[in-house]
Amino acid sequence: MKNFSFSLQRLLDAKEALEKAAEVRVGEMQRKLNHGEARLARLREQEHLQERSHADKLRGGELNRHDMSVRVLFVNRFEGHMSKQEEVVRKYRQSLEEARTLLLTAMRERKSLEKLKEREKSQWITDGRRADRREMDEMAIARFVRQERIA
């Protein structure tokens, strides 16, 4: 009996390759998102430290006009950095969700083809057994006919 050969093996191989590529993409997007979120957390921490320093100086009466103008410039510049980083993180989250959706689709398609392959293999085994039984029946009939001729 010849070996089993899945009729859509090339397609299954291609789907497996697509799934692996999608897994890599999800990993890359997750790393980018983690990096972006860490940077955003550092910016927020920096903002918190500046705010506390400013409040301490304000309570201590150590603020002068120069410090106030520097603070205003810092806050304006910092808000721009924060909003840009928040936008970057938002885009990374969206890209990660898209990558996950593609991965899930690729996984479903691969699993569907694997189920089809299993059904095809099961049918191949059933057909092979049926052919073996038919061959054994034919051999038994031929043996019986020979024995009848001899007898």
N, C-alpha and C. Protein backbone atom coordinates (compact mmCIF):
# COMPACT_ATOMS: atom_id res chain seq x y z
N MET A 1 0.84 -1.18 0.00
CA MET A 1 0.00 0.00 0.00
C MET A 1 0.89 1.25 0.00
N LYS A 2 0.59 2.20 -0.85
CA LYS A 2 1.41 3.41 -0.94
C LYS A 2 1.15 4.33 0.25
N ASN A 3 2.08 5.24 0.49
CA ASN A 3 1.97 6.17 1.61
C ASN A 3 0.86 7.19 1.37
N PHE A 4 0.30 7.67 2.49
CA PHE A 4 -0.75 8.68 2.42
C PHE A 4 -0.17 10.00 1.93
N SER A 5 -0.91 10.65 1.06
CA SER A 5 -0.51 11.96 0.54
C SER A 5 -1.73 12.88 0.59
N PHE A 6 -1.63 13.94 1.39
CA PHE A 6 -2.73 14.90 1.53
C PHE A 6 -2.81 15.75 0.28
N SER A 7 -3.99 15.85 -0.29
CA SER A 7 -4.17 16.56 -1.56
C SER A 7 -3.90 18.06 -1.45
N LEU A 8 -4.07 18.62 -0.25
CA LEU A 8 -3.87 20.07 -0.06
C LEU A 8 -2.65 20.36 0.82
N GLN A 9 -1.64 19.50 0.75
CA GLN A 9 -0.47 19.66 1.62
C GLN A 9 0.25 20.98 1.37
N ARG A 10 0.36 21.39 0.12
CA ARG A 10 1.03 22.67 -0.17
C ARG A 10 0.30 23.84 0.47
N LEU A 11 -1.02 23.79 0.39
CA LEU A 11 -1.82 24.85 1.02
C LEU A 11 -1.65 24.82 2.54
N LEU A 12 -1.65 23.63 3.12
CA LEU A 12 -1.44 23.50 4.57
C LEU A 12 -0.07 24.05 4.96
N ASP A 13 0.95 23.72 4.18
CA ASP A 13 2.30 24.24 4.46
C ASP A 13 2.33 25.77 4.40
N ALA A 14 1.63 26.32 3.41
CA ALA A 14 1.58 27.78 3.27
C ALA A 14 0.85 28.41 4.46
N LYS A 15 -0.23 27.78 4.90
CA LYS A 15 -0.98 28.31 6.06
C LYS A 15 -0.13 28.23 7.32
N GLU A 16 0.65 27.17 7.46
CA GLU A 16 1.54 27.05 8.63
C GLU A 16 2.60 28.15 8.60
N ALA A 17 3.12 28.44 7.42
CA ALA A 17 4.12 29.51 7.30
C ALA A 17 3.49 30.87 7.62
N LEU A 18 2.27 31.09 7.14
CA LEU A 18 1.56 32.34 7.46
C LEU A 18 1.32 32.47 8.96
N GLU A 19 0.97 31.37 9.58
CA GLU A 19 0.73 31.40 11.02
C GLU A 19 2.01 31.73 11.79
N LYS A 20 3.12 31.13 11.39
CA LYS A 20 4.39 31.43 12.05
C LYS A 20 4.77 32.90 11.86
N ALA A 21 4.56 33.41 10.67
CA ALA A 21 4.85 34.83 10.41
C ALA A 21 3.95 35.72 11.26
N ALA A 22 2.70 35.33 11.41
CA ALA A 22 1.77 36.10 12.24
C ALA A 22 2.18 36.06 13.71
N GLU A 23 2.69 34.91 14.16
CA GLU A 23 3.18 34.80 15.54
C GLU A 23 4.35 35.74 15.77
N VAL A 24 5.26 35.79 14.80
CA VAL A 24 6.41 36.69 14.89
C VAL A 24 5.94 38.13 14.95
N ARG A 25 4.99 38.47 14.10
CA ARG A 25 4.46 39.84 14.06
C ARG A 25 3.81 40.21 15.40
N VAL A 26 3.05 39.31 15.98
CA VAL A 26 2.44 39.58 17.28
C VAL A 26 3.52 39.82 18.32
N GLY A 27 4.57 39.01 18.31
CA GLY A 27 5.67 39.20 19.25
C GLY A 27 6.35 40.55 19.08
N GLU A 28 6.58 40.93 17.82
CA GLU A 28 7.21 42.23 17.55
C GLU A 28 6.33 43.38 18.04
N MET A 29 5.04 43.29 17.75
CA MET A 29 4.13 44.36 18.15
C MET A 29 4.00 44.42 19.68
N GLN A 30 4.03 43.26 20.33
CA GLN A 30 3.96 43.25 21.79
C GLN A 30 5.20 43.91 22.39
N ARG A 31 6.37 43.62 21.82
CA ARG A 31 7.61 44.25 22.30
C ARG A 31 7.56 45.77 22.10
N LYS A 32 7.09 46.19 20.94
CA LYS A 32 6.98 47.63 20.68
C LYS A 32 6.02 48.29 21.66
N LEU A 33 4.89 47.63 21.89
CA LEU A 33 3.92 48.18 22.83
C LEU A 33 4.51 48.26 24.24
N ASN A 34 5.19 47.21 24.66
CA ASN A 34 5.81 47.22 25.99
C ASN A 34 6.82 48.36 26.11
N HIS A 35 7.62 48.54 25.07
CA HIS A 35 8.62 49.61 25.07
C HIS A 35 7.93 50.98 25.12
N GLY A 36 6.89 51.15 24.32
CA GLY A 36 6.15 52.42 24.30
C GLY A 36 5.49 52.71 25.63
N GLU A 37 4.90 51.69 26.24
CA GLU A 37 4.26 51.88 27.54
C GLU A 37 5.28 52.19 28.63
N ALA A 38 6.46 51.56 28.55
CA ALA A 38 7.51 51.84 29.53
C ALA A 38 7.99 53.29 29.39
N ARG A 39 8.13 53.74 28.15
CA ARG A 39 8.54 55.13 27.93
C ARG A 39 7.48 56.10 28.46
N LEU A 40 6.23 55.77 28.22
CA LEU A 40 5.14 56.61 28.73
C LEU A 40 5.15 56.63 30.26
N ALA A 41 5.39 55.50 30.87
CA ALA A 41 5.46 55.44 32.34
C ALA A 41 6.62 56.29 32.86
N ARG A 42 7.76 56.26 32.16
CA ARG A 42 8.90 57.09 32.57
C ARG A 42 8.56 58.57 32.45
N LEU A 43 7.87 58.92 31.38
CA LEU A 43 7.46 60.32 31.20
C LEU A 43 6.51 60.75 32.32
N ARG A 44 5.58 59.89 32.66
CA ARG A 44 4.64 60.22 33.74
C ARG A 44 5.36 60.36 35.08
N GLU A 45 6.33 59.48 35.31
CA GLU A 45 7.12 59.56 36.54
C GLU A 45 7.92 60.87 36.57
N GLN A 46 8.50 61.21 35.45
CA GLN A 46 9.25 62.46 35.35
C GLN A 46 8.33 63.65 35.61
N GLU A 47 7.13 63.59 35.06
CA GLU A 47 6.16 64.66 35.29
C GLU A 47 5.80 64.76 36.77
N HIS A 48 5.60 63.61 37.39
CA HIS A 48 5.26 63.58 38.81
C HIS A 48 6.39 64.18 39.65
N LEU A 49 7.63 63.82 39.34
CA LEU A 49 8.78 64.37 40.09
C LEU A 49 8.88 65.88 39.92
N GLN A 50 8.69 66.35 38.70
CA GLN A 50 8.74 67.79 38.45
C GLN A 50 7.62 68.51 39.20
N GLU A 51 6.45 67.91 39.19
CA GLU A 51 5.30 68.50 39.89
C GLU A 51 5.58 68.59 41.39
N ARG A 52 6.14 67.54 41.94
CA ARG A 52 6.45 67.53 43.37
C ARG A 52 7.53 68.56 43.71
N SER A 53 8.55 68.64 42.84
CA SER A 53 9.62 69.62 43.06
C SER A 53 9.05 71.04 43.00
N HIS A 54 8.20 71.27 42.03
CA HIS A 54 7.57 72.59 41.89
C HIS A 54 6.72 72.91 43.13
N ALA A 55 5.96 71.94 43.59
CA ALA A 55 5.11 72.15 44.77
C ALA A 55 5.96 72.43 46.01
N ASP A 56 7.08 71.71 46.14
CA ASP A 56 7.97 71.94 47.29
C ASP A 56 8.54 73.35 47.26
N LYS A 57 8.97 73.79 46.07
CA LYS A 57 9.51 75.15 45.95
C LYS A 57 8.43 76.19 46.22
N LEU A 58 7.22 75.90 45.78
CA LEU A 58 6.11 76.82 45.99
C LEU A 58 5.80 76.95 47.48
N ARG A 59 5.78 75.83 48.20
CA ARG A 59 5.53 75.85 49.63
C ARG A 59 6.65 76.55 50.39
N GLY A 60 7.86 76.37 49.92
CA GLY A 60 9.01 76.96 50.59
C GLY A 60 9.24 78.41 50.21
N GLY A 61 8.45 78.92 49.30
CA GLY A 61 8.61 80.30 48.87
C GLY A 61 9.87 80.53 48.07
N GLU A 62 10.38 79.50 47.42
CA GLU A 62 11.63 79.59 46.67
C GLU A 62 11.42 79.90 45.19
N LEU A 63 10.21 80.07 44.76
CA LEU A 63 9.96 80.30 43.33
C LEU A 63 10.16 81.77 42.97
N ASN A 64 10.82 82.00 41.85
CA ASN A 64 10.95 83.35 41.30
C ASN A 64 10.38 83.34 39.89
N ARG A 65 10.45 84.48 39.22
CA ARG A 65 9.88 84.57 37.87
C ARG A 65 10.57 83.63 36.90
N HIS A 66 11.85 83.53 37.00
CA HIS A 66 12.59 82.64 36.10
C HIS A 66 12.13 81.20 36.27
N ASP A 67 12.01 80.75 37.53
CA ASP A 67 11.54 79.39 37.78
C ASP A 67 10.13 79.17 37.23
N MET A 68 9.29 80.17 37.37
CA MET A 68 7.91 80.05 36.86
C MET A 68 7.90 79.96 35.34
N SER A 69 8.71 80.78 34.66
CA SER A 69 8.73 80.74 33.20
C SER A 69 9.34 79.42 32.71
N VAL A 70 10.35 78.93 33.42
CA VAL A 70 10.94 77.62 33.07
C VAL A 70 9.89 76.54 33.25
N ARG A 71 9.12 76.63 34.31
CA ARG A 71 8.08 75.64 34.58
C ARG A 71 7.02 75.66 33.48
N VAL A 72 6.60 76.82 33.05
CA VAL A 72 5.61 76.93 31.98
C VAL A 72 6.15 76.32 30.69
N LEU A 73 7.40 76.64 30.34
CA LEU A 73 8.01 76.06 29.14
C LEU A 73 8.11 74.54 29.25
N PHE A 74 8.52 74.09 30.43
CA PHE A 74 8.64 72.64 30.65
C PHE A 74 7.28 71.95 30.48
N VAL A 75 6.26 72.51 31.10
CA VAL A 75 4.93 71.89 31.04
C VAL A 75 4.43 71.85 29.59
N ASN A 76 4.59 72.94 28.86
CA ASN A 76 4.13 72.97 27.46
C ASN A 76 4.87 71.93 26.62
N ARG A 77 6.18 71.90 26.78
CA ARG A 77 6.99 70.95 26.01
C ARG A 77 6.67 69.51 26.42
N PHE A 78 6.53 69.33 27.71
CA PHE A 78 6.29 68.00 28.24
C PHE A 78 4.93 67.46 27.80
N GLU A 79 3.92 68.31 27.78
CA GLU A 79 2.59 67.88 27.34
C GLU A 79 2.64 67.40 25.89
N GLY A 80 3.45 68.06 25.07
CA GLY A 80 3.62 67.62 23.68
C GLY A 80 4.25 66.24 23.61
N HIS A 81 5.28 66.01 24.43
CA HIS A 81 5.93 64.69 24.46
C HIS A 81 4.94 63.62 24.93
N MET A 82 4.19 63.96 25.96
CA MET A 82 3.23 62.98 26.50
C MET A 82 2.16 62.63 25.47
N SER A 83 1.62 63.63 24.81
CA SER A 83 0.55 63.34 23.84
C SER A 83 1.10 62.54 22.66
N LYS A 84 2.33 62.86 22.23
CA LYS A 84 2.93 62.07 21.13
C LYS A 84 3.13 60.62 21.56
N GLN A 85 3.63 60.43 22.77
CA GLN A 85 3.88 59.07 23.24
C GLN A 85 2.57 58.31 23.46
N GLU A 86 1.55 58.98 23.94
CA GLU A 86 0.24 58.34 24.08
C GLU A 86 -0.31 57.91 22.73
N GLU A 87 -0.09 58.72 21.71
CA GLU A 87 -0.52 58.38 20.35
C GLU A 87 0.26 57.17 19.83
N VAL A 88 1.56 57.15 20.10
CA VAL A 88 2.39 56.02 19.68
C VAL A 88 1.88 54.73 20.34
N VAL A 89 1.61 54.79 21.63
CA VAL A 89 1.11 53.62 22.35
C VAL A 89 -0.25 53.19 21.80
N ARG A 90 -1.11 54.14 21.51
CA ARG A 90 -2.42 53.82 20.95
C ARG A 90 -2.28 53.09 19.61
N LYS A 91 -1.36 53.58 18.77
CA LYS A 91 -1.13 52.93 17.46
C LYS A 91 -0.55 51.53 17.64
N TYR A 92 0.36 51.37 18.59
CA TYR A 92 0.92 50.05 18.86
C TYR A 92 -0.16 49.07 19.33
N ARG A 93 -1.05 49.55 20.19
CA ARG A 93 -2.15 48.69 20.66
C ARG A 93 -3.03 48.26 19.49
N GLN A 94 -3.34 49.20 18.62
CA GLN A 94 -4.17 48.90 17.46
C GLN A 94 -3.46 47.90 16.55
N SER A 95 -2.17 48.12 16.30
CA SER A 95 -1.41 47.20 15.46
C SER A 95 -1.33 45.81 16.08
N LEU A 96 -1.18 45.77 17.40
CA LEU A 96 -1.13 44.48 18.09
C LEU A 96 -2.46 43.75 17.94
N GLU A 97 -3.55 44.44 18.09
CA GLU A 97 -4.87 43.80 17.93
C GLU A 97 -5.06 43.29 16.50
N GLU A 98 -4.63 44.07 15.52
CA GLU A 98 -4.73 43.62 14.13
C GLU A 98 -3.87 42.38 13.91
N ALA A 99 -2.66 42.38 14.47
CA ALA A 99 -1.77 41.23 14.33
C ALA A 99 -2.38 40.00 15.00
N ARG A 100 -2.99 40.18 16.16
CA ARG A 100 -3.63 39.06 16.85
C ARG A 100 -4.80 38.51 16.03
N THR A 101 -5.56 39.41 15.42
CA THR A 101 -6.68 38.97 14.59
C THR A 101 -6.18 38.14 13.40
N LEU A 102 -5.10 38.61 12.78
CA LEU A 102 -4.52 37.85 11.66
C LEU A 102 -4.01 36.50 12.14
N LEU A 103 -3.40 36.47 13.31
CA LEU A 103 -2.90 35.21 13.86
C LEU A 103 -4.05 34.24 14.11
N LEU A 104 -5.12 34.72 14.72
CA LEU A 104 -6.27 33.85 14.98
C LEU A 104 -6.88 33.31 13.69
N THR A 105 -6.95 34.16 12.68
CA THR A 105 -7.47 33.72 11.38
C THR A 105 -6.57 32.64 10.79
N ALA A 106 -5.27 32.87 10.84
CA ALA A 106 -4.32 31.89 10.30
C ALA A 106 -4.41 30.57 11.06
N MET A 107 -4.57 30.65 12.38
CA MET A 107 -4.69 29.43 13.19
C MET A 107 -5.95 28.66 12.83
N ARG A 108 -7.06 29.38 12.67
CA ARG A 108 -8.32 28.71 12.31
C ARG A 108 -8.21 28.02 10.95
N GLU A 109 -7.61 28.71 9.99
CA GLU A 109 -7.47 28.13 8.65
C GLU A 109 -6.58 26.90 8.68
N ARG A 110 -5.48 26.98 9.43
CA ARG A 110 -4.59 25.82 9.54
C ARG A 110 -5.30 24.65 10.20
N LYS A 111 -6.00 24.92 11.30
CA LYS A 111 -6.71 23.85 12.01
C LYS A 111 -7.78 23.23 11.12
N SER A 112 -8.45 24.04 10.34
CA SER A 112 -9.46 23.53 9.42
C SER A 112 -8.83 22.58 8.41
N LEU A 113 -7.69 22.98 7.87
CA LEU A 113 -7.00 22.11 6.90
C LEU A 113 -6.47 20.85 7.57
N GLU A 114 -6.02 20.96 8.82
CA GLU A 114 -5.54 19.77 9.52
C GLU A 114 -6.68 18.78 9.77
N LYS A 115 -7.87 19.30 10.10
CA LYS A 115 -9.03 18.43 10.27
C LYS A 115 -9.38 17.74 8.95
N LEU A 116 -9.33 18.50 7.87
CA LEU A 116 -9.59 17.93 6.56
C LEU A 116 -8.56 16.85 6.24
N LYS A 117 -7.31 17.11 6.59
CA LYS A 117 -6.24 16.13 6.36
C LYS A 117 -6.52 14.85 7.15
N GLU A 118 -6.96 15.00 8.41
CA GLU A 118 -7.27 13.83 9.22
C GLU A 118 -8.44 13.04 8.63
N ARG A 119 -9.46 13.75 8.16
CA ARG A 119 -10.59 13.05 7.54
C ARG A 119 -10.15 12.32 6.27
N GLU A 120 -9.31 13.00 5.48
CA GLU A 120 -8.81 12.39 4.24
C GLU A 120 -7.97 11.15 4.57
N LYS A 121 -7.14 11.26 5.61
CA LYS A 121 -6.30 10.12 6.00
C LYS A 121 -7.15 8.97 6.51
N SER A 122 -8.17 9.29 7.29
CA SER A 122 -9.08 8.26 7.80
C SER A 122 -9.78 7.55 6.64
N GLN A 123 -10.21 8.31 5.65
CA GLN A 123 -10.85 7.72 4.47
C GLN A 123 -9.86 6.86 3.70
N TRP A 124 -8.61 7.31 3.61
CA TRP A 124 -7.56 6.56 2.93
C TRP A 124 -7.33 5.22 3.63
N ILE A 125 -7.31 5.25 4.97
CA ILE A 125 -7.13 4.01 5.74
C ILE A 125 -8.32 3.08 5.52
N THR A 126 -9.53 3.64 5.57
CA THR A 126 -10.73 2.84 5.36
C THR A 126 -10.73 2.22 3.96
N ASP A 127 -10.39 3.00 2.97
CA ASP A 127 -10.33 2.49 1.59
C ASP A 127 -9.27 1.41 1.46
N GLY A 128 -8.14 1.59 2.13
CA GLY A 128 -7.07 0.60 2.09
C GLY A 128 -7.50 -0.71 2.72
N ARG A 129 -8.17 -0.62 3.85
CA ARG A 129 -8.67 -1.84 4.51
C ARG A 129 -9.70 -2.54 3.64
N ARG A 130 -10.56 -1.75 3.01
CA ARG A 130 -11.58 -2.32 2.13
C ARG A 130 -10.90 -3.04 0.96
N ALA A 131 -9.89 -2.43 0.39
CA ALA A 131 -9.16 -3.05 -0.73
C ALA A 131 -8.46 -4.32 -0.27
N ASP A 132 -7.87 -4.29 0.94
CA ASP A 132 -7.22 -5.49 1.47
C ASP A 132 -8.22 -6.62 1.66
N ARG A 133 -9.40 -6.30 2.21
CA ARG A 133 -10.44 -7.32 2.40
C ARG A 133 -10.89 -7.89 1.06
N ARG A 134 -11.06 -7.00 0.08
CA ARG A 134 -11.48 -7.44 -1.25
C ARG A 134 -10.43 -8.38 -1.84
N GLU A 135 -9.16 -8.03 -1.69
CA GLU A 135 -8.08 -8.86 -2.21
C GLU A 135 -8.04 -10.20 -1.49
N MET A 136 -8.24 -10.18 -0.17
CA MET A 136 -8.24 -11.44 0.59
C MET A 136 -9.43 -12.31 0.18
N ASP A 137 -10.59 -11.67 -0.04
CA ASP A 137 -11.76 -12.42 -0.50
C ASP A 137 -11.51 -13.06 -1.86
N GLU A 138 -10.89 -12.30 -2.76
CA GLU A 138 -10.59 -12.83 -4.10
C GLU A 138 -9.61 -13.99 -4.01
N MET A 139 -8.62 -13.87 -3.12
CA MET A 139 -7.65 -14.97 -2.96
C MET A 139 -8.35 -16.20 -2.37
N ALA A 140 -9.26 -15.98 -1.42
CA ALA A 140 -9.99 -17.11 -0.82
C ALA A 140 -10.87 -17.79 -1.86
N ILE A 141 -11.52 -16.99 -2.70
CA ILE A 141 -12.37 -17.56 -3.76
C ILE A 141 -11.51 -18.35 -4.74
N ALA A 142 -10.37 -17.77 -5.13
CA ALA A 142 -9.48 -18.47 -6.08
C ALA A 142 -8.97 -19.77 -5.47
N ARG A 143 -8.62 -19.75 -4.18
CA ARG A 143 -8.15 -20.97 -3.51
C ARG A 143 -9.27 -22.02 -3.47
N PHE A 144 -10.49 -21.57 -3.18
CA PHE A 144 -11.63 -22.47 -3.12
C PHE A 144 -11.88 -23.11 -4.49
N VAL A 145 -11.82 -22.27 -5.55
CA VAL A 145 -12.05 -22.78 -6.90
C VAL A 145 -10.98 -23.81 -7.26
N ARG A 146 -9.71 -23.54 -6.92
CA ARG A 146 -8.64 -24.50 -7.20
C ARG A 146 -8.86 -25.81 -6.46
N GLN A 147 -9.26 -25.69 -5.20
CA GLN A 147 -9.48 -26.91 -4.41
C GLN A 147 -10.66 -27.70 -4.98
N GLU A 148 -11.67 -27.02 -5.48
CA GLU A 148 -12.82 -27.70 -6.07
C GLU A 148 -12.42 -28.41 -7.36
N ARG A 149 -11.53 -27.81 -8.11
CA ARG A 149 -11.08 -28.43 -9.37
C ARG A 149 -10.24 -29.66 -9.07
N ILE A 150 -9.43 -29.56 -8.03
CA ILE A 150 -8.57 -30.69 -7.66
C ILE A 150 -9.43 -31.82 -7.11
N ALA A 151 -10.41 -31.51 -6.39
CA ALA A 151 -11.23 -32.54 -5.75
C ALA A 151 -12.21 -33.15 -6.67
